[in-house]
Amino acid sequence: MGQRNFKHRHHIFQLITQYERLSEKRAVHFANEVPYVQLIDYFEGECLLERALEVAGHAIHQFPYSVEFQVRKAELLLENREPKEALTILDKAEVLSPGILPIALRRAEGIASLGLAEEAIDLLDELKAGAEPADLSSILGCEALIYEHLKEFEQMFY
């Protein structure tokens, strides 16, 4: 287990070094999406949200039709308490792929972060009405987080 962890850390540090070299040259480009995902995960895990946002921006620049990177950037912006910017990114993602649940859930979080919790709950209620059973837990989890933010713990529980 330790050897595997060492190899993973070695790989990620090599990837960071490569990214920084490319970034200095203003030529960040990877052959596929995997290195971007690994870098974003690493920087987010280390609470380096600005760096994770930077990598997500490069990923979106290289893969402009990747909804995954759009949603990831919106998530990072929400973590960084930038809901207006997150909603702007989600608008772009919605154009690329309308009706995707992760986009709607992040939108509800962003709306709630702007102090419009009732509007966010209304959006989630609409999602619940047409949700597949497998998606319902994600919707309810998002709703619970909004109620927690409002300090309505009994509603959060239900």
C-alpha atoms as a PDB file:
ATOM      1  CA  MET A   1       0.000   0.000   0.000  1.00  0.00           C
ATOM      2  CA  GLY A   2       2.837   2.400   0.881  1.00  0.00           C
ATOM      3  CA  GLN A   3       4.622   1.721  -2.426  1.00  0.00           C
ATOM      4  CA  ARG A   4       1.458   2.475  -4.364  1.00  0.00           C
ATOM      5  CA  ASN A   5       0.912   5.709  -2.444  1.00  0.00           C
ATOM      6  CA  PHE A   6       4.546   6.684  -3.089  1.00  0.00           C
ATOM      7  CA  LYS A   7       4.148   6.052  -6.824  1.00  0.00           C
ATOM      8  CA  HIS A   8       0.955   8.103  -6.912  1.00  0.00           C
ATOM      9  CA  ARG A   9       2.547  11.033  -5.046  1.00  0.00           C
ATOM     10  CA  HIS A  10       5.618  10.829  -7.279  1.00  0.00           C
ATOM     11  CA  HIS A  11       3.378  10.870 -10.362  1.00  0.00           C
ATOM     12  CA  ILE A  12       1.353  13.849  -9.150  1.00  0.00           C
ATOM     13  CA  PHE A  13       4.488  15.832  -8.285  1.00  0.00           C
ATOM     14  CA  GLN A  14       5.898  15.123 -11.742  1.00  0.00           C
ATOM     15  CA  LEU A  15       2.616  16.281 -13.217  1.00  0.00           C
ATOM     16  CA  ILE A  16       2.703  19.480 -11.151  1.00  0.00           C
ATOM     17  CA  THR A  17       6.256  20.157 -12.303  1.00  0.00           C
ATOM     18  CA  GLN A  18       5.259  19.606 -15.921  1.00  0.00           C
ATOM     19  CA  TYR A  19       2.214  21.852 -15.501  1.00  0.00           C
ATOM     20  CA  GLU A  20       4.276  24.636 -13.930  1.00  0.00           C
ATOM     21  CA  ARG A  21       6.849  24.491 -16.737  1.00  0.00           C
ATOM     22  CA  LEU A  22       4.105  24.679 -19.358  1.00  0.00           C
ATOM     23  CA  SER A  23       2.366  27.437 -17.435  1.00  0.00           C
ATOM     24  CA  GLU A  24       5.541  29.554 -17.367  1.00  0.00           C
ATOM     25  CA  LYS A  25       5.702  29.241 -21.154  1.00  0.00           C
ATOM     26  CA  ARG A  26       1.956  30.030 -21.365  1.00  0.00           C
ATOM     27  CA  ALA A  27       1.528  26.807 -23.318  1.00  0.00           C
ATOM     28  CA  VAL A  28      -0.479  24.532 -21.030  1.00  0.00           C
ATOM     29  CA  HIS A  29      -1.605  21.610 -23.140  1.00  0.00           C
ATOM     30  CA  PHE A  30      -2.055  17.949 -22.306  1.00  0.00           C
ATOM     31  CA  ALA A  31      -2.899  15.136 -24.700  1.00  0.00           C
ATOM     32  CA  ASN A  32      -6.129  14.289 -22.876  1.00  0.00           C
ATOM     33  CA  GLU A  33      -8.325  15.323 -19.941  1.00  0.00           C
ATOM     34  CA  VAL A  34      -6.843  12.984 -17.309  1.00  0.00           C
ATOM     35  CA  PRO A  35      -3.912  15.197 -16.184  1.00  0.00           C
ATOM     36  CA  TYR A  36      -6.269  18.136 -15.707  1.00  0.00           C
ATOM     37  CA  VAL A  37      -8.599  16.032 -13.550  1.00  0.00           C
ATOM     38  CA  GLN A  38      -5.660  14.778 -11.474  1.00  0.00           C
ATOM     39  CA  LEU A  39      -4.284  18.294 -10.957  1.00  0.00           C
ATOM     40  CA  ILE A  40      -7.667  19.750 -10.037  1.00  0.00           C
ATOM     41  CA  ASP A  41      -8.270  16.908  -7.567  1.00  0.00           C
ATOM     42  CA  TYR A  42      -4.830  17.380  -6.024  1.00  0.00           C
ATOM     43  CA  PHE A  43      -5.049  21.154  -5.649  1.00  0.00           C
ATOM     44  CA  GLU A  44      -8.591  20.970  -4.300  1.00  0.00           C
ATOM     45  CA  GLY A  45      -7.531  18.283  -1.833  1.00  0.00           C
ATOM     46  CA  GLU A  46      -4.706  20.513  -0.640  1.00  0.00           C
ATOM     47  CA  CYS A  47      -7.154  23.460  -0.282  1.00  0.00           C
ATOM     48  CA  LEU A  48      -5.381  25.380  -3.043  1.00  0.00           C
ATOM     49  CA  LEU A  49      -8.602  26.523  -4.680  1.00  0.00           C
ATOM     50  CA  GLU A  50      -7.005  29.314  -6.709  1.00  0.00           C
ATOM     51  CA  ARG A  51      -4.592  26.832  -8.273  1.00  0.00           C
ATOM     52  CA  ALA A  52      -7.424  24.359  -8.919  1.00  0.00           C
ATOM     53  CA  LEU A  53      -9.423  27.147 -10.573  1.00  0.00           C
ATOM     54  CA  GLU A  54      -6.418  28.047 -12.719  1.00  0.00           C
ATOM     55  CA  VAL A  55      -6.067  24.449 -13.904  1.00  0.00           C
ATOM     56  CA  ALA A  56      -9.811  24.223 -14.551  1.00  0.00           C
ATOM     57  CA  GLY A  57      -9.558  27.365 -16.671  1.00  0.00           C
ATOM     58  CA  HIS A  58      -6.792  25.816 -18.761  1.00  0.00           C
ATOM     59  CA  ALA A  59      -8.811  22.612 -19.085  1.00  0.00           C
ATOM     60  CA  ILE A  60     -11.858  24.534 -20.311  1.00  0.00           C
ATOM     61  CA  HIS A  61      -9.681  26.452 -22.751  1.00  0.00           C
ATOM     62  CA  GLN A  62      -8.334  23.217 -24.224  1.00  0.00           C
ATOM     63  CA  PHE A  63     -11.609  21.267 -23.980  1.00  0.00           C
ATOM     64  CA  PRO A  64     -14.317  23.943 -24.368  1.00  0.00           C
ATOM     65  CA  TYR A  65     -17.101  21.398 -24.871  1.00  0.00           C
ATOM     66  CA  SER A  66     -16.367  19.429 -21.698  1.00  0.00           C
ATOM     67  CA  VAL A  67     -19.322  19.876 -19.381  1.00  0.00           C
ATOM     68  CA  GLU A  68     -17.364  18.022 -16.687  1.00  0.00           C
ATOM     69  CA  PHE A  69     -14.764  20.798 -16.515  1.00  0.00           C
ATOM     70  CA  GLN A  70     -17.445  23.488 -16.555  1.00  0.00           C
ATOM     71  CA  VAL A  71     -19.206  21.853 -13.594  1.00  0.00           C
ATOM     72  CA  ARG A  72     -15.920  21.313 -11.748  1.00  0.00           C
ATOM     73  CA  LYS A  73     -15.002  24.969 -12.160  1.00  0.00           C
ATOM     74  CA  ALA A  74     -18.446  25.987 -10.891  1.00  0.00           C
ATOM     75  CA  GLU A  75     -17.999  23.716  -7.855  1.00  0.00           C
ATOM     76  CA  LEU A  76     -14.622  25.296  -7.129  1.00  0.00           C
ATOM     77  CA  LEU A  77     -16.079  28.776  -7.478  1.00  0.00           C
ATOM     78  CA  LEU A  78     -18.837  27.866  -5.031  1.00  0.00           C
ATOM     79  CA  GLU A  79     -16.240  26.535  -2.577  1.00  0.00           C
ATOM     80  CA  ASN A  80     -14.354  29.802  -3.024  1.00  0.00           C
ATOM     81  CA  ARG A  81     -17.566  31.744  -2.276  1.00  0.00           C
ATOM     82  CA  GLU A  82     -17.956  33.162  -5.773  1.00  0.00           C
ATOM     83  CA  PRO A  83     -21.561  32.183  -6.605  1.00  0.00           C
ATOM     84  CA  LYS A  84     -22.145  34.770  -9.350  1.00  0.00           C
ATOM     85  CA  GLU A  85     -19.147  33.516 -11.306  1.00  0.00           C
ATOM     86  CA  ALA A  86     -20.236  29.917 -10.707  1.00  0.00           C
ATOM     87  CA  LEU A  87     -23.697  30.646 -12.093  1.00  0.00           C
ATOM     88  CA  THR A  88     -22.139  32.231 -15.184  1.00  0.00           C
ATOM     89  CA  ILE A  89     -20.099  29.070 -15.803  1.00  0.00           C
ATOM     90  CA  LEU A  90     -23.198  26.931 -15.225  1.00  0.00           C
ATOM     91  CA  ASP A  91     -25.085  28.972 -17.838  1.00  0.00           C
ATOM     92  CA  LYS A  92     -22.389  28.042 -20.365  1.00  0.00           C
ATOM     93  CA  ALA A  93     -22.525  24.380 -19.315  1.00  0.00           C
ATOM     94  CA  GLU A  94     -26.327  24.385 -19.641  1.00  0.00           C
ATOM     95  CA  VAL A  95     -26.010  25.551 -23.247  1.00  0.00           C
ATOM     96  CA  LEU A  96     -23.641  22.663 -23.990  1.00  0.00           C
ATOM     97  CA  SER A  97     -25.715  20.036 -22.250  1.00  0.00           C
ATOM     98  CA  PRO A  98     -29.195  21.070 -21.115  1.00  0.00           C
ATOM     99  CA  GLY A  99     -31.029  19.151 -18.423  1.00  0.00           C
ATOM    100  CA  ILE A 100     -28.002  17.567 -16.758  1.00  0.00           C
ATOM    101  CA  LEU A 101     -28.576  16.961 -13.023  1.00  0.00           C
ATOM    102  CA  PRO A 102     -25.136  18.074 -11.731  1.00  0.00           C
ATOM    103  CA  ILE A 103     -25.610  21.431 -13.454  1.00  0.00           C
ATOM    104  CA  ALA A 104     -29.015  21.921 -11.835  1.00  0.00           C
ATOM    105  CA  LEU A 105     -27.719  20.906  -8.403  1.00  0.00           C
ATOM    106  CA  ARG A 106     -24.772  23.323  -8.577  1.00  0.00           C
ATOM    107  CA  ARG A 107     -27.186  26.012  -9.815  1.00  0.00           C
ATOM    108  CA  ALA A 108     -29.364  25.458  -6.728  1.00  0.00           C
ATOM    109  CA  GLU A 109     -26.287  25.755  -4.499  1.00  0.00           C
ATOM    110  CA  GLY A 110     -25.257  28.957  -6.252  1.00  0.00           C
ATOM    111  CA  ILE A 111     -28.706  30.478  -5.969  1.00  0.00           C
ATOM    112  CA  ALA A 112     -28.821  29.589  -2.272  1.00  0.00           C
ATOM    113  CA  SER A 113     -25.358  31.143  -1.784  1.00  0.00           C
ATOM    114  CA  LEU A 114     -26.762  34.400  -3.128  1.00  0.00           C
ATOM    115  CA  GLY A 115     -29.315  34.370  -0.303  1.00  0.00           C
ATOM    116  CA  LEU A 116     -32.167  33.092  -2.460  1.00  0.00           C
ATOM    117  CA  ALA A 117     -32.741  29.836  -0.594  1.00  0.00           C
ATOM    118  CA  GLU A 118     -36.473  29.657  -1.327  1.00  0.00           C
ATOM    119  CA  GLU A 119     -35.793  29.938  -5.049  1.00  0.00           C
ATOM    120  CA  ALA A 120     -33.166  27.196  -4.749  1.00  0.00           C
ATOM    121  CA  ILE A 121     -35.599  24.934  -2.870  1.00  0.00           C
ATOM    122  CA  ASP A 122     -38.222  25.571  -5.567  1.00  0.00           C
ATOM    123  CA  LEU A 123     -35.710  24.496  -8.222  1.00  0.00           C
ATOM    124  CA  LEU A 124     -34.951  21.326  -6.269  1.00  0.00           C
ATOM    125  CA  ASP A 125     -38.674  20.615  -5.857  1.00  0.00           C
ATOM    126  CA  GLU A 126     -39.043  20.791  -9.645  1.00  0.00           C
ATOM    127  CA  LEU A 127     -36.139  18.369 -10.002  1.00  0.00           C
ATOM    128  CA  LYS A 128     -37.648  15.977  -7.468  1.00  0.00           C
ATOM    129  CA  ALA A 129     -40.946  15.891  -9.363  1.00  0.00           C
ATOM    130  CA  GLY A 130     -39.345  14.362 -12.460  1.00  0.00           C
ATOM    131  CA  ALA A 131     -36.382  12.588 -10.891  1.00  0.00           C
ATOM    132  CA  GLU A 132     -35.372   9.002 -11.362  1.00  0.00           C
ATOM    133  CA  PRO A 133     -35.068   7.120  -8.050  1.00  0.00           C
ATOM    134  CA  ALA A 134     -31.278   6.936  -8.482  1.00  0.00           C
ATOM    135  CA  ASP A 135     -31.053  10.749  -8.734  1.00  0.00           C
ATOM    136  CA  LEU A 136     -33.327  11.505  -5.808  1.00  0.00           C
ATOM    137  CA  SER A 137     -30.627  11.018  -3.173  1.00  0.00           C
ATOM    138  CA  SER A 138     -28.401  13.630  -4.849  1.00  0.00           C
ATOM    139  CA  ILE A 139     -31.275  16.105  -4.981  1.00  0.00           C
ATOM    140  CA  LEU A 140     -32.206  15.483  -1.358  1.00  0.00           C
ATOM    141  CA  GLY A 141     -28.566  15.818  -0.297  1.00  0.00           C
ATOM    142  CA  CYS A 142     -28.344  19.204  -1.991  1.00  0.00           C
ATOM    143  CA  GLU A 143     -31.608  20.249  -0.350  1.00  0.00           C
ATOM    144  CA  ALA A 144     -30.288  19.174   3.060  1.00  0.00           C
ATOM    145  CA  LEU A 145     -27.182  21.318   2.570  1.00  0.00           C
ATOM    146  CA  ILE A 146     -29.337  24.347   1.790  1.00  0.00           C
ATOM    147  CA  TYR A 147     -31.449  23.797   4.909  1.00  0.00           C
ATOM    148  CA  GLU A 148     -28.274  23.338   6.947  1.00  0.00           C
ATOM    149  CA  HIS A 149     -26.992  26.680   5.652  1.00  0.00           C
ATOM    150  CA  LEU A 150     -30.311  28.237   6.735  1.00  0.00           C
ATOM    151  CA  LYS A 151     -29.886  26.577  10.158  1.00  0.00           C
ATOM    152  CA  GLU A 152     -33.218  24.813   9.673  1.00  0.00           C
ATOM    153  CA  PHE A 153     -31.910  21.559  11.071  1.00  0.00           C
ATOM    154  CA  GLU A 154     -35.257  19.799  11.392  1.00  0.00           C
ATOM    155  CA  GLN A 155     -35.993  20.424   7.691  1.00  0.00           C
ATOM    156  CA  MET A 156     -32.446  19.327   6.902  1.00  0.00           C
ATOM    157  CA  PHE A 157     -33.073  16.034   8.649  1.00  0.00           C
ATOM    158  CA  TYR A 158     -36.306  15.352   6.764  1.00  0.00           C
END
